[in-house]
Amino acid sequence: MIKFTKMHGIGNCYIYVNCFEEEVFNPSKMAEFVSDVHFGIGSDGLVLIMPSDKADFKMRIFNADGSEAEMCGNAVRCVGKYVYDNKLTDKTDITVETLSGIKELELDVINHEVVSVTVSMGKAELDPKKIPISLDGESVVGRRIDVGGEAYEITGVSMGNPHAVVFVDSTDSLDLEKLGPKFENHELFPERINTEFIEVIDGDTLKMRVWERGSGETWACGTGACAAVVAAVLSGYCKRNREIKVKLRGGALKIIYLDDGTVIKKGPATFVCEGEVEVPPIAR
């Protein structure tokens, strides 16, 4: 048996395991198991909270298909809530080590519980070689590509993980179950891609649906919301140094793209439940 906590950041839900107390021997297979809504618990993936020799804590993220992700903006907020609410720290400013670097978190505490978290996500990467996207040039902004026989204009951004942002007239009419995998597995994206489909409401508000590599459509994506605001600024829809609301299926995030390229993200972190689950033989 292994103890777990289920948490979500505006609907982007993960199973969290405290690896100060528990040990997960096969996190890839464990992620596949716990994510299954019929035979497991039901989530977008698995997050391990671990000791770090570089930061206050370390986070490892595994998608629903078992692949390891470099970063998840919603998950890192929930890690901040977990470690404070469970008294692993008494600090309200903490650092978390991820595969995409160390993230700085500011915890908003009410009645001894974290209700929201502000994260300095680092600088947005625009070099296609580093995202990676197999296109030339110093950046990919509004570049037209063919996806499944249809033309789409993409803007490439890495927030520690790769994103392709597409501006559309309406997000509600999209069939992401068909369109999402075509982007995710496109030959231009050697490490697959997270794809954000963005409807511009006004200069301060974006509406977004997201297809995440390894997980499919999720109700929210923190790094995706950051990439969306970066793309909106580069495309002239929004301005730098201004708080932009990104409306997702599960709620809203507030994003600021600063002059120096740093992206700041603020949003809630919510406890769902906790319990014990038997580790299946395939994950032992």
C-alpha atoms as a PDB file:
ATOM      1  CA  MET A   1       0.000   0.000   0.000  1.00  0.00           C
ATOM      2  CA  ILE A   2       1.103   3.562  -0.641  1.00  0.00           C
ATOM      3  CA  LYS A   3      -0.319   6.798   0.735  1.00  0.00           C
ATOM      4  CA  PHE A   4      -1.386   9.444  -1.761  1.00  0.00           C
ATOM      5  CA  THR A   5      -2.980  12.873  -1.957  1.00  0.00           C
ATOM      6  CA  LYS A   6      -5.063  14.059  -4.882  1.00  0.00           C
ATOM      7  CA  MET A   7      -4.890  17.789  -5.651  1.00  0.00           C
ATOM      8  CA  HIS A   8      -5.749  20.028  -8.554  1.00  0.00           C
ATOM      9  CA  GLY A   9      -4.848  23.413  -9.988  1.00  0.00           C
ATOM     10  CA  ILE A  10      -8.045  24.662 -11.665  1.00  0.00           C
ATOM     11  CA  GLY A  11      -8.973  21.147 -12.746  1.00  0.00           C
ATOM     12  CA  ASN A  12      -5.500  19.925 -13.733  1.00  0.00           C
ATOM     13  CA  CYS A  13      -5.386  17.047 -11.241  1.00  0.00           C
ATOM     14  CA  TYR A  14      -2.478  14.869 -10.153  1.00  0.00           C
ATOM     15  CA  ILE A  15      -1.789  12.190  -7.590  1.00  0.00           C
ATOM     16  CA  TYR A  16       0.906  13.399  -5.173  1.00  0.00           C
ATOM     17  CA  VAL A  17       3.181  11.079  -3.209  1.00  0.00           C
ATOM     18  CA  ASN A  18       5.345  12.273  -0.326  1.00  0.00           C
ATOM     19  CA  CYS A  19       8.667  10.573  -1.041  1.00  0.00           C
ATOM     20  CA  PHE A  20      10.046  11.720   2.311  1.00  0.00           C
ATOM     21  CA  GLU A  21       7.859   8.907   3.685  1.00  0.00           C
ATOM     22  CA  GLU A  22       7.035   6.664   0.727  1.00  0.00           C
ATOM     23  CA  GLU A  23       9.064   5.050  -2.048  1.00  0.00           C
ATOM     24  CA  VAL A  24       7.832   4.640  -5.614  1.00  0.00           C
ATOM     25  CA  PHE A  25       9.916   2.015  -7.399  1.00  0.00           C
ATOM     26  CA  ASN A  26       8.424   2.355 -10.883  1.00  0.00           C
ATOM     27  CA  PRO A  27       6.904   5.847 -11.213  1.00  0.00           C
ATOM     28  CA  SER A  28       6.219   5.473 -14.934  1.00  0.00           C
ATOM     29  CA  LYS A  29       3.975   2.418 -14.488  1.00  0.00           C
ATOM     30  CA  MET A  30       2.553   3.847 -11.273  1.00  0.00           C
ATOM     31  CA  ALA A  31       1.514   6.980 -13.176  1.00  0.00           C
ATOM     32  CA  GLU A  32      -0.307   4.896 -15.779  1.00  0.00           C
ATOM     33  CA  PHE A  33      -2.131   3.005 -13.034  1.00  0.00           C
ATOM     34  CA  VAL A  34      -3.217   5.894 -10.800  1.00  0.00           C
ATOM     35  CA  SER A  35      -4.287   8.033 -13.776  1.00  0.00           C
ATOM     36  CA  ASP A  36      -6.797   5.469 -15.016  1.00  0.00           C
ATOM     37  CA  VAL A  37     -10.258   6.578 -13.950  1.00  0.00           C
ATOM     38  CA  HIS A  38     -11.706   3.052 -14.180  1.00  0.00           C
ATOM     39  CA  PHE A  39      -9.003   0.869 -12.630  1.00  0.00           C
ATOM     40  CA  GLY A  40      -6.958   3.426 -10.688  1.00  0.00           C
ATOM     41  CA  ILE A  41      -7.785   6.734  -9.022  1.00  0.00           C
ATOM     42  CA  GLY A  42      -8.207   9.060 -11.975  1.00  0.00           C
ATOM     43  CA  SER A  43      -5.786  11.923 -12.709  1.00  0.00           C
ATOM     44  CA  ASP A  44      -3.652  13.640 -15.326  1.00  0.00           C
ATOM     45  CA  GLY A  45      -0.549  11.995 -13.891  1.00  0.00           C
ATOM     46  CA  LEU A  46       1.679  11.376 -10.889  1.00  0.00           C
ATOM     47  CA  VAL A  47       3.830  13.856  -8.946  1.00  0.00           C
ATOM     48  CA  LEU A  48       6.605  12.824  -6.554  1.00  0.00           C
ATOM     49  CA  ILE A  49       7.621  15.275  -3.808  1.00  0.00           C
ATOM     50  CA  MET A  50      11.239  14.588  -2.917  1.00  0.00           C
ATOM     51  CA  PRO A  51      14.303  15.923  -1.063  1.00  0.00           C
ATOM     52  CA  SER A  52      16.637  18.178  -3.036  1.00  0.00           C
ATOM     53  CA  ASP A  53      20.253  19.221  -2.575  1.00  0.00           C
ATOM     54  CA  LYS A  54      19.676  22.275  -4.807  1.00  0.00           C
ATOM     55  CA  ALA A  55      16.357  23.677  -3.536  1.00  0.00           C
ATOM     56  CA  ASP A  56      13.910  23.317  -0.661  1.00  0.00           C
ATOM     57  CA  PHE A  57      12.126  20.475  -2.457  1.00  0.00           C
ATOM     58  CA  LYS A  58      12.258  18.480  -5.675  1.00  0.00           C
ATOM     59  CA  MET A  59       9.347  17.566  -7.933  1.00  0.00           C
ATOM     60  CA  ARG A  60       9.149  14.807 -10.539  1.00  0.00           C
ATOM     61  CA  ILE A  61       6.131  14.675 -12.856  1.00  0.00           C
ATOM     62  CA  PHE A  62       4.888  11.704 -14.853  1.00  0.00           C
ATOM     63  CA  ASN A  63       2.137  12.016 -17.438  1.00  0.00           C
ATOM     64  CA  ALA A  64      -0.821   9.670 -17.687  1.00  0.00           C
ATOM     65  CA  ASP A  65       1.013   7.624 -20.346  1.00  0.00           C
ATOM     66  CA  GLY A  66       4.019   7.155 -18.047  1.00  0.00           C
ATOM     67  CA  SER A  67       6.343   9.621 -19.778  1.00  0.00           C
ATOM     68  CA  GLU A  68       8.247  12.038 -17.548  1.00  0.00           C
ATOM     69  CA  ALA A  69       7.557  15.759 -17.976  1.00  0.00           C
ATOM     70  CA  GLU A  70      10.056  18.534 -17.382  1.00  0.00           C
ATOM     71  CA  MET A  71       7.606  20.913 -15.752  1.00  0.00           C
ATOM     72  CA  CYS A  72       3.950  21.478 -14.856  1.00  0.00           C
ATOM     73  CA  GLY A  73       2.857  24.902 -13.666  1.00  0.00           C
ATOM     74  CA  ASN A  74      -0.309  23.700 -11.955  1.00  0.00           C
ATOM     75  CA  ALA A  75       1.463  20.816 -10.245  1.00  0.00           C
ATOM     76  CA  VAL A  76       4.247  22.981  -8.814  1.00  0.00           C
ATOM     77  CA  ARG A  77       1.641  25.207  -7.149  1.00  0.00           C
ATOM     78  CA  CYS A  78       0.076  22.143  -5.549  1.00  0.00           C
ATOM     79  CA  VAL A  79       3.500  21.006  -4.354  1.00  0.00           C
ATOM     80  CA  GLY A  80       3.828  24.368  -2.608  1.00  0.00           C
ATOM     81  CA  LYS A  81       0.472  23.861  -0.916  1.00  0.00           C
ATOM     82  CA  TYR A  82       1.285  20.273   0.073  1.00  0.00           C
ATOM     83  CA  VAL A  83       4.623  20.974   1.739  1.00  0.00           C
ATOM     84  CA  TYR A  84       3.263  23.932   3.726  1.00  0.00           C
ATOM     85  CA  ASP A  85      -0.094  22.441   4.728  1.00  0.00           C
ATOM     86  CA  ASN A  86       1.601  19.196   5.788  1.00  0.00           C
ATOM     87  CA  LYS A  87       4.233  21.085   7.783  1.00  0.00           C
ATOM     88  CA  LEU A  88       7.232  20.031   5.707  1.00  0.00           C
ATOM     89  CA  THR A  89       8.127  23.734   5.800  1.00  0.00           C
ATOM     90  CA  ASP A  90       6.989  26.847   7.621  1.00  0.00           C
ATOM     91  CA  LYS A  91       8.310  29.203   4.944  1.00  0.00           C
ATOM     92  CA  THR A  92       5.995  31.053   2.564  1.00  0.00           C
ATOM     93  CA  ASP A  93       8.771  31.631   0.035  1.00  0.00           C
ATOM     94  CA  ILE A  94      10.225  28.342  -1.180  1.00  0.00           C
ATOM     95  CA  THR A  95      12.147  26.882  -4.101  1.00  0.00           C
ATOM     96  CA  VAL A  96      11.305  23.695  -5.997  1.00  0.00           C
ATOM     97  CA  GLU A  97      13.744  21.793  -8.202  1.00  0.00           C
ATOM     98  CA  THR A  98      12.304  20.519 -11.507  1.00  0.00           C
ATOM     99  CA  LEU A  99      13.798  19.097 -14.686  1.00  0.00           C
ATOM    100  CA  SER A 100      13.423  22.578 -16.201  1.00  0.00           C
ATOM    101  CA  GLY A 101      15.283  24.294 -13.371  1.00  0.00           C
ATOM    102  CA  ILE A 102      14.553  25.707  -9.930  1.00  0.00           C
ATOM    103  CA  LYS A 103      11.244  27.555  -9.536  1.00  0.00           C
ATOM    104  CA  GLU A 104      10.585  30.229  -6.926  1.00  0.00           C
ATOM    105  CA  LEU A 105       7.191  30.058  -5.191  1.00  0.00           C
ATOM    106  CA  GLU A 106       5.384  32.625  -3.053  1.00  0.00           C
ATOM    107  CA  LEU A 107       2.621  31.008  -0.980  1.00  0.00           C
ATOM    108  CA  ASP A 108      -0.587  32.891  -0.154  1.00  0.00           C
ATOM    109  CA  VAL A 109      -1.743  31.571   3.232  1.00  0.00           C
ATOM    110  CA  ILE A 110      -5.159  32.056   4.861  1.00  0.00           C
ATOM    111  CA  ASN A 111      -6.056  30.364   8.169  1.00  0.00           C
ATOM    112  CA  HIS A 112      -2.849  28.285   8.065  1.00  0.00           C
ATOM    113  CA  GLU A 113      -3.620  26.858   4.601  1.00  0.00           C
ATOM    114  CA  VAL A 114      -2.224  27.767   1.193  1.00  0.00           C
ATOM    115  CA  VAL A 115      -4.993  29.031  -1.100  1.00  0.00           C
ATOM    116  CA  SER A 116      -2.964  30.323  -4.049  1.00  0.00           C
ATOM    117  CA  VAL A 117       0.617  30.368  -5.241  1.00  0.00           C
ATOM    118  CA  THR A 118       2.640  32.798  -7.339  1.00  0.00           C
ATOM    119  CA  VAL A 119       5.427  31.173  -9.336  1.00  0.00           C
ATOM    120  CA  SER A 120       8.353  32.751 -11.141  1.00  0.00           C
ATOM    121  CA  MET A 121       8.440  30.440 -14.157  1.00  0.00           C
ATOM    122  CA  GLY A 122      11.739  31.700 -15.530  1.00  0.00           C
ATOM    123  CA  LYS A 123      12.335  33.097 -19.003  1.00  0.00           C
ATOM    124  CA  ALA A 124      10.384  31.992 -22.032  1.00  0.00           C
ATOM    125  CA  GLU A 125      12.593  30.258 -24.612  1.00  0.00           C
ATOM    126  CA  LEU A 126      11.851  31.174 -28.245  1.00  0.00           C
ATOM    127  CA  ASP A 127      14.772  29.522 -30.070  1.00  0.00           C
ATOM    128  CA  PRO A 128      13.180  26.676 -32.087  1.00  0.00           C
ATOM    129  CA  LYS A 129      16.278  24.515 -31.644  1.00  0.00           C
ATOM    130  CA  LYS A 130      15.833  24.659 -27.874  1.00  0.00           C
ATOM    131  CA  ILE A 131      12.037  24.171 -27.758  1.00  0.00           C
ATOM    132  CA  PRO A 132      12.531  21.969 -29.917  1.00  0.00           C
ATOM    133  CA  ILE A 133      10.757  22.636 -33.225  1.00  0.00           C
ATOM    134  CA  SER A 134      12.338  21.562 -36.513  1.00  0.00           C
ATOM    135  CA  LEU A 135      12.047  24.961 -38.199  1.00  0.00           C
ATOM    136  CA  ASP A 136      14.747  27.500 -38.987  1.00  0.00           C
ATOM    137  CA  GLY A 137      15.120  31.058 -37.727  1.00  0.00           C
ATOM    138  CA  GLU A 138      15.642  32.691 -34.346  1.00  0.00           C
ATOM    139  CA  SER A 139      11.991  32.196 -33.372  1.00  0.00           C
ATOM    140  CA  VAL A 140       8.739  30.690 -34.611  1.00  0.00           C
ATOM    141  CA  VAL A 141       6.016  33.339 -34.454  1.00  0.00           C
ATOM    142  CA  GLY A 142       2.879  32.939 -36.542  1.00  0.00           C
ATOM    143  CA  ARG A 143       4.611  30.380 -38.766  1.00  0.00           C
ATOM    144  CA  ARG A 144       2.258  28.460 -41.053  1.00  0.00           C
ATOM    145  CA  ILE A 145       2.503  24.667 -41.052  1.00  0.00           C
ATOM    146  CA  ASP A 146       0.409  21.827 -42.430  1.00  0.00           C
ATOM    147  CA  VAL A 147      -1.319  19.613 -39.874  1.00  0.00           C
ATOM    148  CA  GLY A 148      -3.452  16.788 -41.212  1.00  0.00           C
ATOM    149  CA  GLY A 149      -3.980  18.584 -44.513  1.00  0.00           C
ATOM    150  CA  GLU A 150      -5.025  21.874 -42.874  1.00  0.00           C
ATOM    151  CA  ALA A 151      -2.969  25.066 -42.513  1.00  0.00           C
ATOM    152  CA  TYR A 152      -2.329  26.423 -39.004  1.00  0.00           C
ATOM    153  CA  GLU A 153      -0.165  29.289 -37.783  1.00  0.00           C
ATOM    154  CA  ILE A 154       1.893  28.344 -34.736  1.00  0.00           C
ATOM    155  CA  THR A 155       4.052  30.227 -32.263  1.00  0.00           C
ATOM    156  CA  GLY A 156       6.664  28.122 -30.503  1.00  0.00           C
ATOM    157  CA  VAL A 157       7.525  28.696 -26.838  1.00  0.00           C
ATOM    158  CA  SER A 158       9.313  26.620 -24.225  1.00  0.00           C
ATOM    159  CA  MET A 159       8.521  27.143 -20.560  1.00  0.00           C
ATOM    160  CA  GLY A 160      10.810  24.270 -19.644  1.00  0.00           C
ATOM    161  CA  ASN A 161       8.602  22.068 -21.819  1.00  0.00           C
ATOM    162  CA  PRO A 162       7.625  22.567 -25.483  1.00  0.00           C
ATOM    163  CA  HIS A 163       4.490  24.441 -26.596  1.00  0.00           C
ATOM    164  CA  ALA A 164       2.885  25.336 -29.906  1.00  0.00           C
ATOM    165  CA  VAL A 165       0.306  28.122 -29.587  1.00  0.00           C
ATOM    166  CA  VAL A 166      -2.451  28.446 -32.189  1.00  0.00           C
ATOM    167  CA  PHE A 167      -4.890  31.384 -32.319  1.00  0.00           C
ATOM    168  CA  VAL A 168      -8.422  30.426 -33.364  1.00  0.00           C
ATOM    169  CA  ASP A 169     -11.745  32.227 -33.800  1.00  0.00           C
ATOM    170  CA  SER A 170     -13.479  29.947 -31.294  1.00  0.00           C
ATOM    171  CA  THR A 171     -12.176  27.296 -28.916  1.00  0.00           C
ATOM    172  CA  ASP A 172     -15.617  25.778 -28.294  1.00  0.00           C
ATOM    173  CA  SER A 173     -16.000  24.320 -31.776  1.00  0.00           C
ATOM    174  CA  LEU A 174     -12.664  22.473 -31.829  1.00  0.00           C
ATOM    175  CA  ASP A 175     -12.574  18.671 -31.951  1.00  0.00           C
ATOM    176  CA  LEU A 176      -9.429  18.224 -29.871  1.00  0.00           C
ATOM    177  CA  GLU A 177      -9.761  14.447 -29.717  1.00  0.00           C
ATOM    178  CA  LYS A 178      -8.959  14.395 -33.443  1.00  0.00           C
ATOM    179  CA  LEU A 179      -6.837  17.528 -33.768  1.00  0.00           C
ATOM    180  CA  GLY A 180      -4.707  17.222 -30.618  1.00  0.00           C
ATOM    181  CA  PRO A 181      -2.865  13.995 -31.519  1.00  0.00           C
ATOM    182  CA  LYS A 182      -2.079  15.376 -34.992  1.00  0.00           C
ATOM    183  CA  PHE A 183      -0.176  18.249 -33.393  1.00  0.00           C
ATOM    184  CA  GLU A 184       1.361  16.166 -30.598  1.00  0.00           C
ATOM    185  CA  ASN A 185       2.898  13.647 -32.985  1.00  0.00           C
ATOM    186  CA  HIS A 186       3.719  15.986 -35.891  1.00  0.00           C
ATOM    187  CA  GLU A 187       7.127  15.414 -37.475  1.00  0.00           C
ATOM    188  CA  LEU A 188       8.177  19.009 -36.726  1.00  0.00           C
ATOM    189  CA  PHE A 189       8.140  18.277 -32.985  1.00  0.00           C
ATOM    190  CA  PRO A 190      10.871  15.724 -32.209  1.00  0.00           C
ATOM    191  CA  GLU A 191       9.936  15.497 -28.508  1.00  0.00           C
ATOM    192  CA  ARG A 192       6.187  15.819 -29.162  1.00  0.00           C
ATOM    193  CA  ILE A 193       4.403  19.045 -28.245  1.00  0.00           C
ATOM    194  CA  ASN A 194       1.825  20.583 -25.930  1.00  0.00           C
ATOM    195  CA  THR A 195      -0.637  22.566 -28.038  1.00  0.00           C
ATOM    196  CA  GLU A 196      -2.667  25.565 -26.847  1.00  0.00           C
ATOM    197  CA  PHE A 197      -5.635  26.779 -28.868  1.00  0.00           C
ATOM    198  CA  ILE A 198      -6.318  30.407 -27.977  1.00  0.00           C
ATOM    199  CA  GLU A 199      -9.326  32.662 -28.495  1.00  0.00           C
ATOM    200  CA  VAL A 200      -8.541  36.329 -27.854  1.00  0.00           C
ATOM    201  CA  ILE A 201     -11.361  37.930 -25.850  1.00  0.00           C
ATOM    202  CA  ASP A 202      -9.630  41.300 -25.426  1.00  0.00           C
ATOM    203  CA  GLY A 203      -6.223  42.753 -24.600  1.00  0.00           C
ATOM    204  CA  ASP A 204      -6.456  41.507 -21.018  1.00  0.00           C
ATOM    205  CA  THR A 205      -8.238  38.166 -21.466  1.00  0.00           C
ATOM    206  CA  LEU A 206      -7.540  34.944 -23.353  1.00  0.00           C
ATOM    207  CA  LYS A 207      -9.605  31.780 -23.551  1.00  0.00           C
ATOM    208  CA  MET A 208      -7.704  28.530 -23.913  1.00  0.00           C
ATOM    209  CA  ARG A 209      -8.055  24.825 -24.521  1.00  0.00           C
ATOM    210  CA  VAL A 210      -5.011  22.613 -24.339  1.00  0.00           C
ATOM    211  CA  TRP A 211      -3.866  19.224 -25.602  1.00  0.00           C
ATOM    212  CA  GLU A 212      -0.973  17.990 -23.467  1.00  0.00           C
ATOM    213  CA  ARG A 213       1.508  15.456 -24.768  1.00  0.00           C
ATOM    214  CA  GLY A 214       1.088  12.207 -22.902  1.00  0.00           C
ATOM    215  CA  SER A 215      -2.180  13.230 -21.220  1.00  0.00           C
ATOM    216  CA  GLY A 216      -4.571  14.469 -23.929  1.00  0.00           C
ATOM    217  CA  GLU A 217      -6.939  17.351 -23.282  1.00  0.00           C
ATOM    218  CA  THR A 218      -6.691  18.607 -19.720  1.00  0.00           C
ATOM    219  CA  TRP A 219      -8.799  21.192 -17.931  1.00  0.00           C
ATOM    220  CA  ALA A 220      -5.797  23.440 -17.353  1.00  0.00           C
ATOM    221  CA  CYS A 221      -2.090  23.776 -18.101  1.00  0.00           C
ATOM    222  CA  GLY A 222       0.016  26.306 -16.218  1.00  0.00           C
ATOM    223  CA  THR A 223       3.013  26.317 -18.551  1.00  0.00           C
ATOM    224  CA  GLY A 224       0.584  26.368 -21.477  1.00  0.00           C
ATOM    225  CA  ALA A 225      -1.126  29.478 -20.115  1.00  0.00           C
ATOM    226  CA  CYS A 226       2.291  31.130 -19.800  1.00  0.00           C
ATOM    227  CA  ALA A 227       3.155  30.155 -23.382  1.00  0.00           C
ATOM    228  CA  ALA A 228      -0.209  31.518 -24.542  1.00  0.00           C
ATOM    229  CA  VAL A 229       0.453  34.947 -23.015  1.00  0.00           C
ATOM    230  CA  VAL A 230       3.980  35.047 -24.459  1.00  0.00           C
ATOM    231  CA  ALA A 231       2.582  34.201 -27.899  1.00  0.00           C
ATOM    232  CA  ALA A 232      -0.202  36.781 -27.518  1.00  0.00           C
ATOM    233  CA  VAL A 233       2.351  39.490 -26.680  1.00  0.00           C
ATOM    234  CA  LEU A 234       4.604  38.508 -29.594  1.00  0.00           C
ATOM    235  CA  SER A 235       1.577  38.522 -31.910  1.00  0.00           C
ATOM    236  CA  GLY A 236       0.409  41.957 -30.764  1.00  0.00           C
ATOM    237  CA  TYR A 237      -2.768  40.878 -28.940  1.00  0.00           C
ATOM    238  CA  CYS A 238      -1.508  41.698 -25.417  1.00  0.00           C
ATOM    239  CA  LYS A 239       1.173  43.839 -23.782  1.00  0.00           C
ATOM    240  CA  ARG A 240       4.164  43.053 -21.600  1.00  0.00           C
ATOM    241  CA  ASN A 241       4.248  43.891 -17.882  1.00  0.00           C
ATOM    242  CA  ARG A 242       0.461  43.605 -17.738  1.00  0.00           C
ATOM    243  CA  GLU A 243      -1.591  40.997 -15.893  1.00  0.00           C
ATOM    244  CA  ILE A 244      -3.436  38.829 -18.400  1.00  0.00           C
ATOM    245  CA  LYS A 245      -6.261  36.520 -17.381  1.00  0.00           C
ATOM    246  CA  VAL A 246      -6.215  33.130 -19.119  1.00  0.00           C
ATOM    247  CA  LYS A 247      -9.564  31.357 -18.895  1.00  0.00           C
ATOM    248  CA  LEU A 248      -9.348  27.561 -19.048  1.00  0.00           C
ATOM    249  CA  ARG A 249     -11.944  24.822 -18.694  1.00  0.00           C
ATOM    250  CA  GLY A 250     -11.163  24.450 -14.990  1.00  0.00           C
ATOM    251  CA  GLY A 251     -10.798  28.115 -14.037  1.00  0.00           C
ATOM    252  CA  ALA A 252      -8.482  31.064 -14.631  1.00  0.00           C
ATOM    253  CA  LEU A 253      -4.799  31.898 -14.192  1.00  0.00           C
ATOM    254  CA  LYS A 254      -3.141  35.316 -14.047  1.00  0.00           C
ATOM    255  CA  ILE A 255       0.016  35.684 -16.136  1.00  0.00           C
ATOM    256  CA  ILE A 256       2.518  38.539 -16.566  1.00  0.00           C
ATOM    257  CA  TYR A 257       5.192  38.526 -19.289  1.00  0.00           C
ATOM    258  CA  LEU A 258       7.947  40.885 -18.147  1.00  0.00           C
ATOM    259  CA  ASP A 259      10.352  42.946 -20.251  1.00  0.00           C
ATOM    260  CA  ASP A 260      13.293  40.691 -19.393  1.00  0.00           C
ATOM    261  CA  GLY A 261      11.458  37.616 -20.716  1.00  0.00           C
ATOM    262  CA  THR A 262      10.492  36.236 -17.289  1.00  0.00           C
ATOM    263  CA  VAL A 263       6.961  34.914 -16.864  1.00  0.00           C
ATOM    264  CA  ILE A 264       5.044  35.202 -13.571  1.00  0.00           C
ATOM    265  CA  LYS A 265       2.030  32.966 -12.913  1.00  0.00           C
ATOM    266  CA  LYS A 266      -0.546  33.066 -10.118  1.00  0.00           C
ATOM    267  CA  GLY A 267      -3.374  30.644  -9.435  1.00  0.00           C
ATOM    268  CA  PRO A 268      -5.115  28.461  -6.864  1.00  0.00           C
ATOM    269  CA  ALA A 269      -4.047  25.086  -5.488  1.00  0.00           C
ATOM    270  CA  THR A 270      -6.782  22.808  -4.156  1.00  0.00           C
ATOM    271  CA  PHE A 271      -6.825  19.666  -1.995  1.00  0.00           C
ATOM    272  CA  VAL A 272      -9.239  16.951  -3.179  1.00  0.00           C
ATOM    273  CA  CYS A 273      -8.726  13.853  -1.049  1.00  0.00           C
ATOM    274  CA  GLU A 274      -6.149  11.520   0.447  1.00  0.00           C
ATOM    275  CA  GLY A 275      -5.969   7.804   1.031  1.00  0.00           C
ATOM    276  CA  GLU A 276      -4.075   4.594   0.353  1.00  0.00           C
ATOM    277  CA  VAL A 277      -3.868   2.565  -2.813  1.00  0.00           C
ATOM    278  CA  GLU A 278      -2.376  -0.846  -3.461  1.00  0.00           C
ATOM    279  CA  VAL A 279       0.571  -0.726  -5.805  1.00  0.00           C
ATOM    280  CA  PRO A 280      -0.166  -3.042  -8.750  1.00  0.00           C
ATOM    281  CA  PRO A 281       2.365  -5.783  -9.558  1.00  0.00           C
ATOM    282  CA  ILE A 282       3.431  -4.015 -12.763  1.00  0.00           C
ATOM    283  CA  ALA A 283       4.623  -0.995 -10.755  1.00  0.00           C
ATOM    284  CA  ARG A 284       6.505  -2.869  -8.029  1.00  0.00           C
END
